[in-house]
Amino acid sequence: MNPARIEREFPAPSYRGNQRAALRDVRRAFEAGNDVVLVRAPTGSGKSLLARAICGCARTVEEAEPEQATGAYYTTPQVSQLEDVAADPLLSDLQVIRGRETTPVSSPARRPRP
C-alpha cells in the first residue's frame, strides 16, 4: 500500500462535498499503519470514487516481494451498486464480477440454493 498515491488515483476531475477530507483521513489512517480502513458515508456521496483511489494505492507486482499480496478488491453486496459502478465512466478500469447466479466465475461444483 502506497498512500502517497491516493490523491493522484482519485478518478474524478474534482472533489465534491467531503470527498477531499475523507480521502485525506483515509490516507492518514493508512500512513499510521492501519491495514484496514472503513468509510461510512451517505448514499450518493462518492464512496465508489474514494474506493477507486484507495485501490490505486495497492501494492503492484513490481513493488512487491514474492510473499506479499498485490492488487485490491472492491466489494459490495448491492446488485444496484454493481450496475452503478459498471456504468460509471470514471470507474471504467474496474472489472465487475457478479455472484454465482449470474456468472460462470463461480465454483464448478455448484449446488442449488436451499
Protein backbone atom coordinates (compact mmCIF):
# COMPACT_ATOMS: atom_id res chain seq x y z
CA MET A 1 0.00 0.00 0.00
CA ASN A 2 1.37 3.36 -1.03
CA PRO A 3 -0.97 6.01 0.44
CA ALA A 4 1.10 8.78 -1.17
CA ARG A 5 -0.64 7.91 -4.46
CA ILE A 6 -4.18 8.37 -3.13
CA GLU A 7 -4.86 11.90 -4.45
CA ARG A 8 -3.36 11.09 -7.84
CA GLU A 9 -5.52 7.95 -8.10
CA PHE A 10 -8.80 9.80 -7.44
CA PRO A 11 -10.62 9.30 -10.76
CA ALA A 12 -12.80 12.41 -10.87
CA PRO A 13 -11.57 15.77 -12.20
CA SER A 14 -12.69 17.48 -8.98
CA TYR A 15 -13.96 16.70 -5.50
CA ARG A 16 -17.48 17.24 -4.24
CA GLY A 17 -18.80 17.52 -0.72
CA ASN A 18 -16.47 15.96 1.83
CA GLN A 19 -14.56 13.71 -0.57
CA ARG A 20 -11.26 15.59 -0.21
CA ALA A 21 -11.44 15.46 3.59
CA ALA A 22 -12.44 11.78 3.53
CA LEU A 23 -9.55 10.94 1.21
CA ARG A 24 -7.16 12.84 3.47
CA ASP A 25 -8.45 10.93 6.51
CA VAL A 26 -8.11 7.59 4.72
CA ARG A 27 -4.56 8.45 3.67
CA ARG A 28 -3.62 9.40 7.24
CA ALA A 29 -5.13 6.16 8.58
CA PHE A 30 -3.04 4.06 6.18
CA GLU A 31 0.07 6.14 6.86
CA ALA A 32 -0.49 5.49 10.58
CA GLY A 33 -0.13 1.77 9.89
CA ASN A 34 -3.74 0.63 9.64
CA ASP A 35 -4.24 -2.31 7.29
CA VAL A 36 -8.00 -1.80 7.00
CA VAL A 37 -9.97 1.43 6.82
CA LEU A 38 -13.76 1.54 6.68
CA VAL A 39 -15.54 4.52 5.17
CA ARG A 40 -19.10 5.28 6.22
CA ALA A 41 -20.88 7.96 4.24
CA PRO A 42 -24.37 8.61 2.86
CA THR A 43 -25.66 7.21 -0.42
CA GLY A 44 -24.51 9.33 -3.33
CA SER A 45 -21.53 10.84 -1.51
CA GLY A 46 -18.97 9.27 -3.84
CA LYS A 47 -17.70 6.31 -1.82
CA SER A 48 -17.02 4.34 -5.02
CA LEU A 49 -14.68 7.09 -6.23
CA LEU A 50 -12.89 7.00 -2.87
CA ALA A 51 -12.64 3.22 -3.14
CA ARG A 52 -11.12 3.55 -6.62
CA ALA A 53 -8.49 5.95 -5.27
CA ILE A 54 -7.68 3.55 -2.45
CA CYS A 55 -7.43 0.59 -4.87
CA GLY A 56 -4.97 2.63 -6.91
CA CYS A 57 -2.66 2.70 -3.90
CA ALA A 58 -2.42 -1.08 -3.67
CA ARG A 59 0.99 -2.66 -3.99
CA THR A 60 1.79 -3.56 -7.59
CA VAL A 61 3.52 -6.75 -8.70
CA GLU A 62 6.61 -4.68 -9.49
CA GLU A 63 6.69 -3.23 -5.95
CA ALA A 64 6.05 -6.48 -4.09
CA GLU A 65 8.27 -9.14 -2.63
CA PRO A 66 7.22 -12.65 -3.72
CA GLU A 67 5.39 -13.32 -0.44
CA GLN A 68 3.45 -10.04 -0.45
CA ALA A 69 -0.10 -9.60 -1.66
CA THR A 70 -0.76 -7.28 -4.60
CA GLY A 71 -3.79 -5.55 -6.06
CA ALA A 72 -7.06 -4.65 -4.42
CA TYR A 73 -10.71 -5.65 -4.45
CA TYR A 74 -13.80 -3.51 -4.04
CA THR A 75 -16.85 -5.47 -2.98
CA THR A 76 -20.49 -4.68 -2.43
CA PRO A 77 -23.49 -6.86 -1.64
CA GLN A 78 -25.78 -4.50 -3.55
CA VAL A 79 -26.59 -5.50 -7.13
CA SER A 80 -27.64 -1.92 -7.89
CA GLN A 81 -24.20 -0.74 -6.77
CA LEU A 82 -22.56 -3.12 -9.24
CA GLU A 83 -24.64 -1.67 -12.05
CA ASP A 84 -23.75 1.88 -10.98
CA VAL A 85 -20.03 1.06 -10.91
CA ALA A 86 -20.19 -0.72 -14.28
CA ALA A 87 -21.92 2.29 -15.88
CA ASP A 88 -19.65 4.98 -14.40
CA PRO A 89 -17.01 6.14 -16.93
CA LEU A 90 -14.81 7.32 -14.04
CA LEU A 91 -14.62 3.70 -12.85
CA SER A 92 -14.12 2.08 -16.26
CA ASP A 93 -10.90 0.35 -15.17
CA LEU A 94 -12.74 -1.70 -12.53
CA GLN A 95 -13.82 -5.19 -13.57
CA VAL A 96 -17.28 -6.13 -12.28
CA ILE A 97 -17.60 -9.78 -11.27
CA ARG A 98 -21.06 -10.93 -10.31
CA GLY A 99 -22.08 -13.71 -7.95
CA ARG A 100 -22.65 -17.37 -8.72
CA GLU A 101 -26.18 -16.97 -10.02
CA THR A 102 -25.25 -14.64 -12.88
CA THR A 103 -21.75 -15.61 -14.00
CA PRO A 104 -19.71 -18.75 -14.67
CA VAL A 105 -16.87 -17.38 -12.48
CA SER A 106 -18.19 -19.40 -9.54
CA SER A 107 -17.07 -22.86 -8.47
CA PRO A 108 -17.79 -25.67 -10.94
CA ALA A 109 -19.32 -27.70 -8.10
CA ARG A 110 -22.44 -25.55 -7.93
CA ARG A 111 -25.35 -26.75 -5.90
CA PRO A 112 -28.85 -25.31 -5.92
CA ARG A 113 -29.57 -22.90 -3.11
CA PRO A 114 -31.85 -24.29 -0.39
